[in-house]
Amino acid sequence: MTDSTVKNASMIAEDTLIKMKCTACGHIANVPDWIIGEFAEEDRMSGKHGEVEIECPVCKGPMRRVR
């Protein structure tokens, strides 16, 4: 890597991870907050209210934020 590449890489923000747990199988995953934000915006635009759910990669059940 060149010096400018290293400098630019150090300026990239790290993702904030949110712990999500599947309500069906119990699988736990850390999901970047920007992904949760995308789903929240999608839900808001479609008129859905409440907690964001994503699909579990293991069983396809709903995953919710661990509180």
C-alpha atoms as a PDB file:
ATOM      1  CA  MET A   1       0.000   0.000   0.000  1.00  0.00           C
ATOM      2  CA  THR A   2       1.109   3.528  -0.638  1.00  0.00           C
ATOM      3  CA  ASP A   3       1.191   6.172   2.073  1.00  0.00           C
ATOM      4  CA  SER A   4      -1.933   7.828   0.653  1.00  0.00           C
ATOM      5  CA  THR A   5      -3.804   4.502   0.624  1.00  0.00           C
ATOM      6  CA  VAL A   6      -2.960   3.889   4.270  1.00  0.00           C
ATOM      7  CA  LYS A   7      -3.963   7.448   5.160  1.00  0.00           C
ATOM      8  CA  ASN A   8      -7.286   7.132   3.298  1.00  0.00           C
ATOM      9  CA  ALA A   9      -8.008   3.744   4.874  1.00  0.00           C
ATOM     10  CA  SER A  10      -7.533   5.211   8.339  1.00  0.00           C
ATOM     11  CA  MET A  11     -10.183   7.842   7.561  1.00  0.00           C
ATOM     12  CA  ILE A  12     -12.887   5.264   6.835  1.00  0.00           C
ATOM     13  CA  ALA A  13     -15.354   5.005   9.710  1.00  0.00           C
ATOM     14  CA  GLU A  14     -15.835   1.633  11.333  1.00  0.00           C
ATOM     15  CA  ASP A  15     -19.328   0.160  11.439  1.00  0.00           C
ATOM     16  CA  THR A  16     -21.221   0.203  14.697  1.00  0.00           C
ATOM     17  CA  LEU A  17     -22.547  -3.319  15.182  1.00  0.00           C
ATOM     18  CA  ILE A  18     -25.951  -4.113  16.646  1.00  0.00           C
ATOM     19  CA  LYS A  19     -26.567  -7.520  18.203  1.00  0.00           C
ATOM     20  CA  MET A  20     -29.618  -9.230  16.703  1.00  0.00           C
ATOM     21  CA  LYS A  21     -31.198 -12.504  17.867  1.00  0.00           C
ATOM     22  CA  CYS A  22     -33.540 -14.823  15.979  1.00  0.00           C
ATOM     23  CA  THR A  23     -36.821 -15.356  17.801  1.00  0.00           C
ATOM     24  CA  ALA A  24     -37.209 -18.788  16.184  1.00  0.00           C
ATOM     25  CA  CYS A  25     -33.820 -20.525  16.512  1.00  0.00           C
ATOM     26  CA  GLY A  26     -31.866 -18.236  18.850  1.00  0.00           C
ATOM     27  CA  HIS A  27     -29.074 -17.475  16.355  1.00  0.00           C
ATOM     28  CA  ILE A  28     -27.212 -14.282  17.297  1.00  0.00           C
ATOM     29  CA  ALA A  29     -25.485 -12.035  14.761  1.00  0.00           C
ATOM     30  CA  ASN A  30     -23.846  -8.620  14.815  1.00  0.00           C
ATOM     31  CA  VAL A  31     -25.368  -6.453  12.095  1.00  0.00           C
ATOM     32  CA  PRO A  32     -23.976  -3.063  10.987  1.00  0.00           C
ATOM     33  CA  ASP A  33     -26.190  -0.197  12.142  1.00  0.00           C
ATOM     34  CA  TRP A  34     -26.467   1.203   8.608  1.00  0.00           C
ATOM     35  CA  ILE A  35     -28.237  -1.983   7.496  1.00  0.00           C
ATOM     36  CA  ILE A  36     -30.744  -1.632  10.347  1.00  0.00           C
ATOM     37  CA  GLY A  37     -31.186   1.997   9.273  1.00  0.00           C
ATOM     38  CA  GLU A  38     -31.964   0.937   5.706  1.00  0.00           C
ATOM     39  CA  PHE A  39     -34.664  -1.456   6.911  1.00  0.00           C
ATOM     40  CA  ALA A  40     -36.069   1.188   9.292  1.00  0.00           C
ATOM     41  CA  GLU A  41     -36.366   3.661   6.418  1.00  0.00           C
ATOM     42  CA  GLU A  42     -38.007   1.027   4.214  1.00  0.00           C
ATOM     43  CA  ASP A  43     -40.496   0.203   6.999  1.00  0.00           C
ATOM     44  CA  ARG A  44     -41.253   3.893   7.574  1.00  0.00           C
ATOM     45  CA  MET A  45     -41.938   4.468   3.886  1.00  0.00           C
ATOM     46  CA  SER A  46     -44.284   1.468   3.714  1.00  0.00           C
ATOM     47  CA  GLY A  47     -46.212   2.576   6.814  1.00  0.00           C
ATOM     48  CA  LYS A  48     -44.915  -0.104   9.177  1.00  0.00           C
ATOM     49  CA  HIS A  49     -44.232   0.915  12.757  1.00  0.00           C
ATOM     50  CA  GLY A  50     -42.331  -0.810  15.529  1.00  0.00           C
ATOM     51  CA  GLU A  51     -39.084  -2.658  15.853  1.00  0.00           C
ATOM     52  CA  VAL A  52     -37.016  -3.510  12.781  1.00  0.00           C
ATOM     53  CA  GLU A  53     -36.853  -7.219  11.960  1.00  0.00           C
ATOM     54  CA  ILE A  54     -34.406  -8.855   9.594  1.00  0.00           C
ATOM     55  CA  GLU A  55     -34.349 -12.405   8.242  1.00  0.00           C
ATOM     56  CA  CYS A  56     -32.242 -14.975  10.084  1.00  0.00           C
ATOM     57  CA  PRO A  57     -29.551 -16.440   7.809  1.00  0.00           C
ATOM     58  CA  VAL A  58     -29.888 -19.823   9.554  1.00  0.00           C
ATOM     59  CA  CYS A  59     -33.635 -20.541   9.680  1.00  0.00           C
ATOM     60  CA  LYS A  60     -35.212 -17.563   7.832  1.00  0.00           C
ATOM     61  CA  GLY A  61     -37.094 -16.579  11.013  1.00  0.00           C
ATOM     62  CA  PRO A  62     -37.333 -12.998  12.322  1.00  0.00           C
ATOM     63  CA  MET A  63     -34.315 -11.469  14.050  1.00  0.00           C
ATOM     64  CA  ARG A  64     -34.776  -8.621  16.516  1.00  0.00           C
ATOM     65  CA  ARG A  65     -32.400  -6.360  18.376  1.00  0.00           C
ATOM     66  CA  VAL A  66     -31.082  -7.736  21.677  1.00  0.00           C
ATOM     67  CA  ARG A  67     -31.906  -5.274  24.466  1.00  0.00           C
END
